[in-house]
C-alpha atoms as a PDB file:
ATOM      1  CA  UNK A   1      -8.304  -8.040 -33.803  1.00  0.00           C
ATOM      2  CA  UNK A   2      -6.961 -11.556 -34.243  1.00  0.00           C
ATOM      3  CA  UNK A   3      -4.123 -10.614 -32.098  1.00  0.00           C
ATOM      4  CA  UNK A   4      -6.177  -8.721 -29.429  1.00  0.00           C
ATOM      5  CA  UNK A   5      -8.652 -11.641 -28.560  1.00  0.00           C
ATOM      6  CA  UNK A   6      -5.860 -14.169 -27.692  1.00  0.00           C
ATOM      7  CA  UNK A   7      -4.207 -11.386 -25.749  1.00  0.00           C
ATOM      8  CA  UNK A   8      -7.264 -10.774 -23.746  1.00  0.00           C
ATOM      9  CA  UNK A   9      -7.986 -14.462 -23.086  1.00  0.00           C
ATOM     10  CA  UNK A  10      -4.190 -15.084 -21.934  1.00  0.00           C
ATOM     11  CA  UNK A  11      -4.320 -12.075 -19.648  1.00  0.00           C
ATOM     12  CA  UNK A  12      -7.642 -13.310 -18.164  1.00  0.00           C
ATOM     13  CA  UNK A  13      -5.997 -16.909 -17.523  1.00  0.00           C
ATOM     14  CA  UNK A  14      -2.959 -15.180 -15.916  1.00  0.00           C
ATOM     15  CA  UNK A  15      -5.006 -12.894 -13.603  1.00  0.00           C
ATOM     16  CA  UNK A  16      -7.316 -15.594 -12.393  1.00  0.00           C
ATOM     17  CA  UNK A  17      -4.487 -18.044 -11.557  1.00  0.00           C
ATOM     18  CA  UNK A  18      -2.751 -15.469  -9.560  1.00  0.00           C
ATOM     19  CA  UNK A  19      -6.044 -14.514  -7.933  1.00  0.00           C
ATOM     20  CA  UNK A  20      -7.101 -17.954  -7.066  1.00  0.00           C
ATOM     21  CA  UNK A  21      -3.705 -19.949  -6.188  1.00  0.00           C
ATOM     22  CA  UNK A  22      -1.604 -17.115  -4.782  1.00  0.00           C
ATOM     23  CA  UNK A  23      -3.521 -14.253  -3.476  1.00  0.00           C
ATOM     24  CA  UNK A  24      -6.637 -15.914  -2.205  1.00  0.00           C
ATOM     25  CA  UNK A  25      -4.859 -18.228   0.298  1.00  0.00           C
ATOM     26  CA  UNK A  26      -2.331 -15.661   1.522  1.00  0.00           C
ATOM     27  CA  UNK A  27      -5.367 -13.017   2.011  1.00  0.00           C
ATOM     28  CA  UNK A  28      -7.873 -15.439   3.632  1.00  0.00           C
ATOM     29  CA  UNK A  29      -5.291 -16.676   6.307  1.00  0.00           C
ATOM     30  CA  UNK A  30      -3.954 -13.008   6.986  1.00  0.00           C
ATOM     31  CA  UNK A  31      -7.475 -11.477   7.283  1.00  0.00           C
ATOM     32  CA  UNK A  32      -8.547 -14.169   9.541  1.00  0.00           C
ATOM     33  CA  UNK A  33      -5.671 -13.527  11.963  1.00  0.00           C
ATOM     34  CA  UNK A  34      -6.177  -9.767  11.822  1.00  0.00           C
ATOM     35  CA  UNK A  35      -9.968 -10.174  12.362  1.00  0.00           C
ATOM     36  CA  UNK A  36      -9.212 -12.203  15.467  1.00  0.00           C
ATOM     37  CA  UNK A  37      -6.559  -9.848  16.757  1.00  0.00           C
ATOM     38  CA  UNK A  38      -8.863  -6.861  16.185  1.00  0.00           C
ATOM     39  CA  UNK A  39     -11.767  -8.628  18.016  1.00  0.00           C
ATOM     40  CA  UNK A  40      -9.606  -9.520  20.903  1.00  0.00           C
ATOM     41  CA  UNK A  41      -8.352  -5.940  21.527  1.00  0.00           C
ATOM     42  CA  UNK A  42      -4.970  -6.689  20.413  1.00  0.00           C
ATOM     43  CA  UNK A  43      -4.531  -3.963  17.453  1.00  0.00           C
ATOM     44  CA  UNK A  44      -6.104  -1.387  19.812  1.00  0.00           C
ATOM     45  CA  UNK A  45      -3.483  -2.423  22.429  1.00  0.00           C
ATOM     46  CA  UNK A  46      -0.693  -2.056  19.993  1.00  0.00           C
ATOM     47  CA  UNK A  47      -1.826   1.369  18.935  1.00  0.00           C
ATOM     48  CA  UNK A  48      -2.104   2.720  22.366  1.00  0.00           C
ATOM     49  CA  UNK A  49       1.209   1.271  23.275  1.00  0.00           C
ATOM     50  CA  UNK A  50       2.911   2.872  20.392  1.00  0.00           C
ATOM     51  CA  UNK A  51       0.997   6.354  20.432  1.00  0.00           C
ATOM     52  CA  UNK A  52       3.190   8.167  22.916  1.00  0.00           C
ATOM     53  CA  UNK A  53       6.322   7.515  20.990  1.00  0.00           C
ATOM     54  CA  UNK A  54       4.793   8.121  17.540  1.00  0.00           C
ATOM     55  CA  UNK A  55       3.003  11.249  18.730  1.00  0.00           C
ATOM     56  CA  UNK A  56       6.592  12.774  18.534  1.00  0.00           C
ATOM     57  CA  UNK A  57       6.243  12.420  14.692  1.00  0.00           C
ATOM     58  CA  UNK A  58       2.805  14.096  14.683  1.00  0.00           C
ATOM     59  CA  UNK A  59       0.923  10.665  14.543  1.00  0.00           C
ATOM     60  CA  UNK A  60      -1.997  10.563  16.932  1.00  0.00           C
ATOM     61  CA  UNK A  61      -3.237   7.445  18.590  1.00  0.00           C
ATOM     62  CA  UNK A  62      -5.983   6.726  15.738  1.00  0.00           C
ATOM     63  CA  UNK A  63      -2.972   7.271  13.340  1.00  0.00           C
ATOM     64  CA  UNK A  64      -1.156   4.607  14.694  1.00  0.00           C
ATOM     65  CA  UNK A  65      -4.312   2.440  14.207  1.00  0.00           C
ATOM     66  CA  UNK A  66      -4.252   3.525  10.623  1.00  0.00           C
ATOM     67  CA  UNK A  67      -0.490   2.221  10.203  1.00  0.00           C
ATOM     68  CA  UNK A  68      -1.327  -1.027  11.786  1.00  0.00           C
ATOM     69  CA  UNK A  69      -4.178  -1.650   9.396  1.00  0.00           C
ATOM     70  CA  UNK A  70      -2.248  -0.736   6.201  1.00  0.00           C
ATOM     71  CA  UNK A  71       0.948  -2.774   7.146  1.00  0.00           C
ATOM     72  CA  UNK A  72      -1.345  -5.979   8.182  1.00  0.00           C
ATOM     73  CA  UNK A  73      -4.703  -5.709   6.038  1.00  0.00           C
ATOM     74  CA  UNK A  74      -4.731  -3.725   2.842  1.00  0.00           C
ATOM     75  CA  UNK A  75      -4.090  -0.237   1.440  1.00  0.00           C
ATOM     76  CA  UNK A  76      -7.905   0.508   1.843  1.00  0.00           C
ATOM     77  CA  UNK A  77      -8.090  -0.561   5.522  1.00  0.00           C
ATOM     78  CA  UNK A  78      -7.011   2.890   6.955  1.00  0.00           C
ATOM     79  CA  UNK A  79      -9.955   4.807   5.104  1.00  0.00           C
ATOM     80  CA  UNK A  80     -12.284   3.907   7.880  1.00  0.00           C
ATOM     81  CA  UNK A  81      -9.745   5.265  10.580  1.00  0.00           C
ATOM     82  CA  UNK A  82      -9.148   8.523   8.318  1.00  0.00           C
ATOM     83  CA  UNK A  83     -12.915   8.965   8.195  1.00  0.00           C
ATOM     84  CA  UNK A  84     -13.223   8.676  11.882  1.00  0.00           C
ATOM     85  CA  UNK A  85     -10.482  11.197  12.245  1.00  0.00           C
ATOM     86  CA  UNK A  86     -12.043  13.547   9.792  1.00  0.00           C
ATOM     87  CA  UNK A  87     -15.292  13.649  11.803  1.00  0.00           C
ATOM     88  CA  UNK A  88     -14.017  13.450  15.437  1.00  0.00           C
ATOM     89  CA  UNK A  89     -12.482  16.813  15.538  1.00  0.00           C
ATOM     90  CA  UNK A  90      -8.854  15.726  15.062  1.00  0.00           C
ATOM     91  CA  UNK A  91      -6.434  18.625  14.031  1.00  0.00           C
ATOM     92  CA  UNK A  92      -5.958  18.833  10.393  1.00  0.00           C
ATOM     93  CA  UNK A  93      -2.198  18.836  10.912  1.00  0.00           C
ATOM     94  CA  UNK A  94      -2.299  15.503  12.513  1.00  0.00           C
ATOM     95  CA  UNK A  95      -4.565  14.154   9.811  1.00  0.00           C
ATOM     96  CA  UNK A  96      -2.008  15.417   7.314  1.00  0.00           C
ATOM     97  CA  UNK A  97       0.783  13.441   9.041  1.00  0.00           C
ATOM     98  CA  UNK A  98      -1.332  10.153   9.263  1.00  0.00           C
ATOM     99  CA  UNK A  99      -2.220  10.542   5.690  1.00  0.00           C
ATOM    100  CA  UNK A 100       1.373  11.015   4.898  1.00  0.00           C
ATOM    101  CA  UNK A 101       2.567   8.013   6.641  1.00  0.00           C
ATOM    102  CA  UNK A 102      -0.374   5.890   5.017  1.00  0.00           C
ATOM    103  CA  UNK A 103       0.705   6.787   1.507  1.00  0.00           C
ATOM    104  CA  UNK A 104       4.343   5.927   2.353  1.00  0.00           C
ATOM    105  CA  UNK A 105       3.868   2.478   4.023  1.00  0.00           C
ATOM    106  CA  UNK A 106       3.840  -0.658   2.116  1.00  0.00           C
ATOM    107  CA  UNK A 107       0.282  -2.321   1.871  1.00  0.00           C
ATOM    108  CA  UNK A 108      -0.258  -5.914   3.081  1.00  0.00           C
ATOM    109  CA  UNK A 109      -2.331  -7.032   0.361  1.00  0.00           C
ATOM    110  CA  UNK A 110       0.590  -6.672  -2.271  1.00  0.00           C
ATOM    111  CA  UNK A 111       3.513  -7.336   0.481  1.00  0.00           C
ATOM    112  CA  UNK A 112       2.416 -10.728   1.777  1.00  0.00           C
ATOM    113  CA  UNK A 113       1.751 -12.365  -1.595  1.00  0.00           C
ATOM    114  CA  UNK A 114       4.898 -11.108  -3.037  1.00  0.00           C
ATOM    115  CA  UNK A 115       6.702 -12.351   0.024  1.00  0.00           C
ATOM    116  CA  UNK A 116       5.611 -15.838  -0.938  1.00  0.00           C
ATOM    117  CA  UNK A 117       7.953 -15.465  -4.126  1.00  0.00           C
ATOM    118  CA  UNK A 118      10.830 -13.717  -2.681  1.00  0.00           C
ATOM    119  CA  UNK A 119      10.089 -10.400  -1.242  1.00  0.00           C
ATOM    120  CA  UNK A 120      11.989  -9.610   1.965  1.00  0.00           C
ATOM    121  CA  UNK A 121       9.354  -9.132   4.478  1.00  0.00           C
ATOM    122  CA  UNK A 122      11.617  -7.921   7.220  1.00  0.00           C
ATOM    123  CA  UNK A 123      13.308  -5.234   5.087  1.00  0.00           C
ATOM    124  CA  UNK A 124       9.957  -4.100   3.884  1.00  0.00           C
ATOM    125  CA  UNK A 125       8.663  -3.555   7.371  1.00  0.00           C
ATOM    126  CA  UNK A 126      11.593  -1.838   8.338  1.00  0.00           C
ATOM    127  CA  UNK A 127      11.939   0.549   5.468  1.00  0.00           C
ATOM    128  CA  UNK A 128       8.220   1.154   5.728  1.00  0.00           C
ATOM    129  CA  UNK A 129       8.651   2.361   9.269  1.00  0.00           C
ATOM    130  CA  UNK A 130      11.714   4.450   8.630  1.00  0.00           C
ATOM    131  CA  UNK A 131      10.120   6.063   5.591  1.00  0.00           C
ATOM    132  CA  UNK A 132       6.696   6.476   7.290  1.00  0.00           C
ATOM    133  CA  UNK A 133       8.028   8.362  10.218  1.00  0.00           C
ATOM    134  CA  UNK A 134      10.134  10.634   7.751  1.00  0.00           C
ATOM    135  CA  UNK A 135       7.170  11.332   5.746  1.00  0.00           C
ATOM    136  CA  UNK A 136       4.918  12.120   8.939  1.00  0.00           C
ATOM    137  CA  UNK A 137       7.527  14.338  10.470  1.00  0.00           C
ATOM    138  CA  UNK A 138       8.276  16.280   7.204  1.00  0.00           C
ATOM    139  CA  UNK A 139       4.605  16.940   6.829  1.00  0.00           C
ATOM    140  CA  UNK A 140       3.667  17.629  10.491  1.00  0.00           C
ATOM    141  CA  UNK A 141       6.743  19.900  11.133  1.00  0.00           C
ATOM    142  CA  UNK A 142       7.070  21.390   7.723  1.00  0.00           C
ATOM    143  CA  UNK A 143       4.419  21.073   5.074  1.00  0.00           C
ATOM    144  CA  UNK A 144       1.308  21.219   7.287  1.00  0.00           C
ATOM    145  CA  UNK A 145       2.875  23.594   9.814  1.00  0.00           C
ATOM    146  CA  UNK A 146       0.134  26.187   9.357  1.00  0.00           C
ATOM    147  CA  UNK A 147      -1.910  27.808  12.232  1.00  0.00           C
ATOM    148  CA  UNK A 148      -5.182  27.393  10.681  1.00  0.00           C
ATOM    149  CA  UNK A 149      -4.488  23.675  10.373  1.00  0.00           C
ATOM    150  CA  UNK A 150      -3.963  23.525  14.346  1.00  0.00           C
ATOM    151  CA  UNK A 151      -7.715  23.260  14.543  1.00  0.00           C
ATOM    152  CA  UNK A 152      -9.769  20.755  16.357  1.00  0.00           C
ATOM    153  CA  UNK A 153      -8.635  18.663  19.374  1.00  0.00           C
ATOM    154  CA  UNK A 154      -4.991  18.489  19.896  1.00  0.00           C
ATOM    155  CA  UNK A 155      -5.183  15.865  22.734  1.00  0.00           C
ATOM    156  CA  UNK A 156      -4.179  12.188  22.090  1.00  0.00           C
ATOM    157  CA  UNK A 157      -7.243   9.927  23.182  1.00  0.00           C
ATOM    158  CA  UNK A 158      -6.763   6.087  23.586  1.00  0.00           C
ATOM    159  CA  UNK A 159      -7.934   4.063  20.680  1.00  0.00           C
ATOM    160  CA  UNK A 160     -10.858   1.928  21.898  1.00  0.00           C
ATOM    161  CA  UNK A 161     -11.280  -1.896  20.712  1.00  0.00           C
ATOM    162  CA  UNK A 162     -14.499  -2.397  18.706  1.00  0.00           C
ATOM    163  CA  UNK A 163     -17.073  -4.552  20.708  1.00  0.00           C
ATOM    164  CA  UNK A 164     -18.575  -6.864  18.030  1.00  0.00           C
ATOM    165  CA  UNK A 165     -21.349  -9.273  18.550  1.00  0.00           C
ATOM    166  CA  UNK A 166     -20.123 -12.440  20.644  1.00  0.00           C
ATOM    167  CA  UNK A 167     -18.744 -15.107  18.380  1.00  0.00           C
ATOM    168  CA  UNK A 168     -16.582 -18.002  18.548  1.00  0.00           C
ATOM    169  CA  UNK A 169     -12.844 -17.864  17.348  1.00  0.00           C
ATOM    170  CA  UNK A 170     -13.792 -19.838  14.371  1.00  0.00           C
ATOM    171  CA  UNK A 171     -16.739 -17.349  13.209  1.00  0.00           C
ATOM    172  CA  UNK A 172     -14.342 -14.507  13.932  1.00  0.00           C
ATOM    173  CA  UNK A 173     -11.710 -15.891  11.693  1.00  0.00           C
ATOM    174  CA  UNK A 174     -14.247 -17.128   9.087  1.00  0.00           C
ATOM    175  CA  UNK A 175     -15.433 -13.592   8.858  1.00  0.00           C
ATOM    176  CA  UNK A 176     -12.017 -12.407   8.332  1.00  0.00           C
ATOM    177  CA  UNK A 177     -11.387 -15.125   5.657  1.00  0.00           C
ATOM    178  CA  UNK A 178     -14.590 -13.891   3.974  1.00  0.00           C
ATOM    179  CA  UNK A 179     -13.206 -10.268   3.830  1.00  0.00           C
ATOM    180  CA  UNK A 180      -9.984 -11.792   2.264  1.00  0.00           C
ATOM    181  CA  UNK A 181     -11.805 -13.437  -0.558  1.00  0.00           C
ATOM    182  CA  UNK A 182     -13.825 -10.234  -1.230  1.00  0.00           C
ATOM    183  CA  UNK A 183     -10.559  -8.321  -1.597  1.00  0.00           C
ATOM    184  CA  UNK A 184      -9.180 -10.853  -3.942  1.00  0.00           C
ATOM    185  CA  UNK A 185     -12.266 -11.030  -5.883  1.00  0.00           C
ATOM    186  CA  UNK A 186     -12.713  -7.284  -6.322  1.00  0.00           C
ATOM    187  CA  UNK A 187      -8.962  -7.320  -7.488  1.00  0.00           C
ATOM    188  CA  UNK A 188      -9.504  -9.721 -10.368  1.00  0.00           C
ATOM    189  CA  UNK A 189     -10.838  -7.130 -12.909  1.00  0.00           C
ATOM    190  CA  UNK A 190      -8.079  -4.571 -12.180  1.00  0.00           C
ATOM    191  CA  UNK A 191      -5.259  -7.524 -12.431  1.00  0.00           C
ATOM    192  CA  UNK A 192      -6.991  -8.659 -15.871  1.00  0.00           C
ATOM    193  CA  UNK A 193      -6.911  -4.987 -17.025  1.00  0.00           C
ATOM    194  CA  UNK A 194      -3.465  -4.150 -16.004  1.00  0.00           C
ATOM    195  CA  UNK A 195      -1.931  -7.404 -17.516  1.00  0.00           C
ATOM    196  CA  UNK A 196      -4.036  -6.757 -20.780  1.00  0.00           C
ATOM    197  CA  UNK A 197      -2.633  -3.082 -20.852  1.00  0.00           C
ATOM    198  CA  UNK A 198       0.690  -4.179 -20.455  1.00  0.00           C
ATOM    199  CA  UNK A 199       0.646  -6.813 -23.046  1.00  0.00           C
ATOM    200  CA  UNK A 200      -0.946  -4.194 -25.501  1.00  0.00           C
ATOM    201  CA  UNK A 201       1.918  -1.818 -24.784  1.00  0.00           C
ATOM    202  CA  UNK A 202       4.375  -4.555 -25.566  1.00  0.00           C
ATOM    203  CA  UNK A 203       2.501  -5.323 -28.748  1.00  0.00           C
ATOM    204  CA  UNK A 204       2.469  -1.936 -29.846  1.00  0.00           C
ATOM    205  CA  UNK A 205       6.061  -1.090 -28.995  1.00  0.00           C
ATOM    206  CA  UNK A 206       5.332   1.582 -26.156  1.00  0.00           C
ATOM    207  CA  UNK A 207       7.326  -0.317 -23.541  1.00  0.00           C
ATOM    208  CA  UNK A 208      10.322  -0.122 -25.632  1.00  0.00           C
ATOM    209  CA  UNK A 209      10.051   3.519 -26.195  1.00  0.00           C
ATOM    210  CA  UNK A 210       9.604   3.988 -22.336  1.00  0.00           C
ATOM    211  CA  UNK A 211      12.561   1.743 -21.512  1.00  0.00           C
ATOM    212  CA  UNK A 212      14.663   3.721 -24.048  1.00  0.00           C
ATOM    213  CA  UNK A 213      13.975   6.952 -22.405  1.00  0.00           C
ATOM    214  CA  UNK A 214      14.620   5.389 -18.977  1.00  0.00           C
ATOM    215  CA  UNK A 215      17.500   3.518 -19.888  1.00  0.00           C
ATOM    216  CA  UNK A 216      20.164   6.033 -18.495  1.00  0.00           C
ATOM    217  CA  UNK A 217      18.347   5.953 -15.144  1.00  0.00           C
ATOM    218  CA  UNK A 218      17.934   2.001 -15.089  1.00  0.00           C
ATOM    219  CA  UNK A 219      21.778   1.786 -15.753  1.00  0.00           C
ATOM    220  CA  UNK A 220      22.573   4.142 -13.017  1.00  0.00           C
ATOM    221  CA  UNK A 221      20.430   2.095 -10.552  1.00  0.00           C
ATOM    222  CA  UNK A 222      21.727  -1.302 -12.010  1.00  0.00           C
ATOM    223  CA  UNK A 223      18.305  -2.380 -12.871  1.00  0.00           C
ATOM    224  CA  UNK A 224      17.169  -4.564 -15.763  1.00  0.00           C
ATOM    225  CA  UNK A 225      14.955  -3.253 -18.521  1.00  0.00           C
ATOM    226  CA  UNK A 226      12.000  -5.464 -17.127  1.00  0.00           C
ATOM    227  CA  UNK A 227      11.680  -3.347 -14.312  1.00  0.00           C
ATOM    228  CA  UNK A 228      10.053  -0.385 -16.183  1.00  0.00           C
ATOM    229  CA  UNK A 229       6.988  -2.492 -16.466  1.00  0.00           C
ATOM    230  CA  UNK A 230       5.905  -2.941 -12.864  1.00  0.00           C
ATOM    231  CA  UNK A 231       7.020   0.673 -12.058  1.00  0.00           C
ATOM    232  CA  UNK A 232       4.829   2.196 -14.858  1.00  0.00           C
ATOM    233  CA  UNK A 233       2.143   0.124 -13.860  1.00  0.00           C
ATOM    234  CA  UNK A 234       2.111   0.834 -10.383  1.00  0.00           C
ATOM    235  CA  UNK A 235       1.926   4.706 -10.867  1.00  0.00           C
ATOM    236  CA  UNK A 236      -0.721   4.449 -13.454  1.00  0.00           C
ATOM    237  CA  UNK A 237      -2.942   1.796 -12.052  1.00  0.00           C
ATOM    238  CA  UNK A 238      -1.882   1.109  -8.588  1.00  0.00           C
ATOM    239  CA  UNK A 239      -0.181  -1.439  -6.376  1.00  0.00           C
ATOM    240  CA  UNK A 240      -2.462  -4.426  -7.068  1.00  0.00           C
ATOM    241  CA  UNK A 241      -1.885  -3.980 -10.929  1.00  0.00           C
ATOM    242  CA  UNK A 242       1.811  -3.687 -10.258  1.00  0.00           C
ATOM    243  CA  UNK A 243       1.804  -6.840  -8.237  1.00  0.00           C
ATOM    244  CA  UNK A 244      -0.092  -8.756 -11.134  1.00  0.00           C
ATOM    245  CA  UNK A 245       2.436  -7.606 -13.533  1.00  0.00           C
ATOM    246  CA  UNK A 246       5.644  -8.411 -11.195  1.00  0.00           C
ATOM    247  CA  UNK A 247       4.292 -11.871 -10.598  1.00  0.00           C
ATOM    248  CA  UNK A 248       4.047 -12.383 -14.304  1.00  0.00           C
ATOM    249  CA  UNK A 249       7.656 -11.146 -14.844  1.00  0.00           C
ATOM    250  CA  UNK A 250       8.901 -13.329 -12.088  1.00  0.00           C
ATOM    251  CA  UNK A 251       7.344 -16.247 -13.694  1.00  0.00           C
ATOM    252  CA  UNK A 252       8.693 -15.663 -17.140  1.00  0.00           C
ATOM    253  CA  UNK A 253      12.254 -15.220 -15.546  1.00  0.00           C
ATOM    254  CA  UNK A 254      12.380 -11.618 -16.722  1.00  0.00           C
ATOM    255  CA  UNK A 255      12.638 -10.054 -13.389  1.00  0.00           C
ATOM    256  CA  UNK A 256      14.512 -11.690 -10.493  1.00  0.00           C
ATOM    257  CA  UNK A 257      13.867 -11.642  -6.741  1.00  0.00           C
ATOM    258  CA  UNK A 258      16.743  -9.155  -6.187  1.00  0.00           C
ATOM    259  CA  UNK A 259      15.493  -6.828  -8.658  1.00  0.00           C
ATOM    260  CA  UNK A 260      11.946  -7.296  -6.965  1.00  0.00           C
ATOM    261  CA  UNK A 261      13.564  -6.256  -3.877  1.00  0.00           C
ATOM    262  CA  UNK A 262      15.521  -3.473  -5.201  1.00  0.00           C
ATOM    263  CA  UNK A 263      12.398  -1.818  -6.900  1.00  0.00           C
ATOM    264  CA  UNK A 264      10.038  -2.517  -3.884  1.00  0.00           C
ATOM    265  CA  UNK A 265      10.901   0.662  -1.834  1.00  0.00           C
ATOM    266  CA  UNK A 266       9.659   2.928  -4.576  1.00  0.00           C
ATOM    267  CA  UNK A 267       6.946   0.676  -6.142  1.00  0.00           C
ATOM    268  CA  UNK A 268       5.035  -0.919  -2.960  1.00  0.00           C
ATOM    269  CA  UNK A 269       3.044   1.770  -1.514  1.00  0.00           C
ATOM    270  CA  UNK A 270      -0.422   3.570  -2.159  1.00  0.00           C
ATOM    271  CA  UNK A 271       1.344   6.562  -3.354  1.00  0.00           C
ATOM    272  CA  UNK A 272      -0.088   6.462  -6.943  1.00  0.00           C
ATOM    273  CA  UNK A 273      -3.027   7.786  -8.814  1.00  0.00           C
ATOM    274  CA  UNK A 274      -5.511   4.989  -7.829  1.00  0.00           C
ATOM    275  CA  UNK A 275      -4.231   4.968  -4.170  1.00  0.00           C
ATOM    276  CA  UNK A 276      -4.612   8.537  -3.612  1.00  0.00           C
ATOM    277  CA  UNK A 277      -7.884   9.038  -5.145  1.00  0.00           C
ATOM    278  CA  UNK A 278      -9.289   6.202  -3.164  1.00  0.00           C
ATOM    279  CA  UNK A 279      -7.705   7.271   0.413  1.00  0.00           C
ATOM    280  CA  UNK A 280      -8.514  10.812   0.297  1.00  0.00           C
ATOM    281  CA  UNK A 281     -12.116   9.966  -0.352  1.00  0.00           C
ATOM    282  CA  UNK A 282     -12.271   9.304   3.542  1.00  0.00           C
ATOM    283  CA  UNK A 283     -13.509  12.921   4.102  1.00  0.00           C
ATOM    284  CA  UNK A 284     -13.531  16.611   3.395  1.00  0.00           C
ATOM    285  CA  UNK A 285     -10.827  17.493   5.808  1.00  0.00           C
ATOM    286  CA  UNK A 286      -8.550  14.741   4.564  1.00  0.00           C
ATOM    287  CA  UNK A 287      -8.778  16.038   1.035  1.00  0.00           C
ATOM    288  CA  UNK A 288      -8.029  19.638   2.414  1.00  0.00           C
ATOM    289  CA  UNK A 289      -4.423  18.355   3.710  1.00  0.00           C
ATOM    290  CA  UNK A 290      -3.755  15.941   0.782  1.00  0.00           C
ATOM    291  CA  UNK A 291      -1.216  18.355  -1.010  1.00  0.00           C
ATOM    292  CA  UNK A 292       0.921  18.639   2.197  1.00  0.00           C
ATOM    293  CA  UNK A 293       0.502  14.962   2.923  1.00  0.00           C
ATOM    294  CA  UNK A 294       1.705  13.985  -0.752  1.00  0.00           C
ATOM    295  CA  UNK A 295       4.679  16.122  -0.385  1.00  0.00           C
ATOM    296  CA  UNK A 296       5.776  14.420   2.758  1.00  0.00           C
ATOM    297  CA  UNK A 297       4.902  11.094   1.211  1.00  0.00           C
ATOM    298  CA  UNK A 298       7.359  11.924  -1.780  1.00  0.00           C
ATOM    299  CA  UNK A 299      10.175  12.382   0.778  1.00  0.00           C
ATOM    300  CA  UNK A 300       9.190   9.189   2.732  1.00  0.00           C
ATOM    301  CA  UNK A 301       9.052   7.274  -0.436  1.00  0.00           C
ATOM    302  CA  UNK A 302      12.375   8.511  -1.788  1.00  0.00           C
ATOM    303  CA  UNK A 303      14.019   7.316   1.578  1.00  0.00           C
ATOM    304  CA  UNK A 304      12.518   3.922   1.287  1.00  0.00           C
ATOM    305  CA  UNK A 305      13.467   3.576  -2.230  1.00  0.00           C
ATOM    306  CA  UNK A 306      17.246   4.565  -1.627  1.00  0.00           C
ATOM    307  CA  UNK A 307      17.247   2.274   1.495  1.00  0.00           C
ATOM    308  CA  UNK A 308      16.434  -0.768  -0.637  1.00  0.00           C
ATOM    309  CA  UNK A 309      18.752   0.071  -3.377  1.00  0.00           C
ATOM    310  CA  UNK A 310      21.443   0.444  -0.842  1.00  0.00           C
ATOM    311  CA  UNK A 311      20.386  -2.961   1.094  1.00  0.00           C
ATOM    312  CA  UNK A 312      20.074  -5.095  -2.102  1.00  0.00           C
END
């Protein structure tokens, strides 16, 4: 117990420092800008502009809106869009393709804070798009190619911009900033638990055991032993927890910026236990196509991971 209490306190200090001095400034500014673009109809315009092209990959207009949301807001932002698709009669095959691409893309709430410490934003966006299109195509034309899933509306409808109450630009941006603060505050408990869990695993020697098991793979991929921590944390506790652990390792010097960029293709996406559970809660029809979407997402994430290893 004498070792556990200081460990908990240190984990709490680390998590709160990350949340207040790194995550909050980035998320407040990003959400303020995105709220303004959404209110002015820019996001809807982009979705409608890209819709004819992305429809080839099985992604409907609303699906494009979901892509923009996850890339520039957070991993949970597309849930509302998927919920609308679940209820508006969109074919389950198209829902599956949209879910696959959402699970493959990098989420803004992890990407932008890590970009502040060296993550290559341009490469992240590029590999996200490539991997996402691969995931959507594999799902739409292969895993979800079932006649029963061609139900509902097959037509592609234009995405309509929301019509909020008249507000000034500063009021709109303030609302977005408040949403950013809410996201950061809600992430603090998970950050504390994740960092605490990792410290306990270190204390008990579990990390050394996992590292020993994965050492042949790490050597093959030219990754340091420290890369085990964020990868294991990501698939157990989600992207936000992975970000907290990664920032701590970077601060300690155990992980380099190059290492971060090499593992980013595999580690920065909502395709994990926490992410899948939250996103498929959007609706019954979304849950029905979850297996097909996850198979497509697995291919998309693999493509992204390989691209990062080749680039860096």
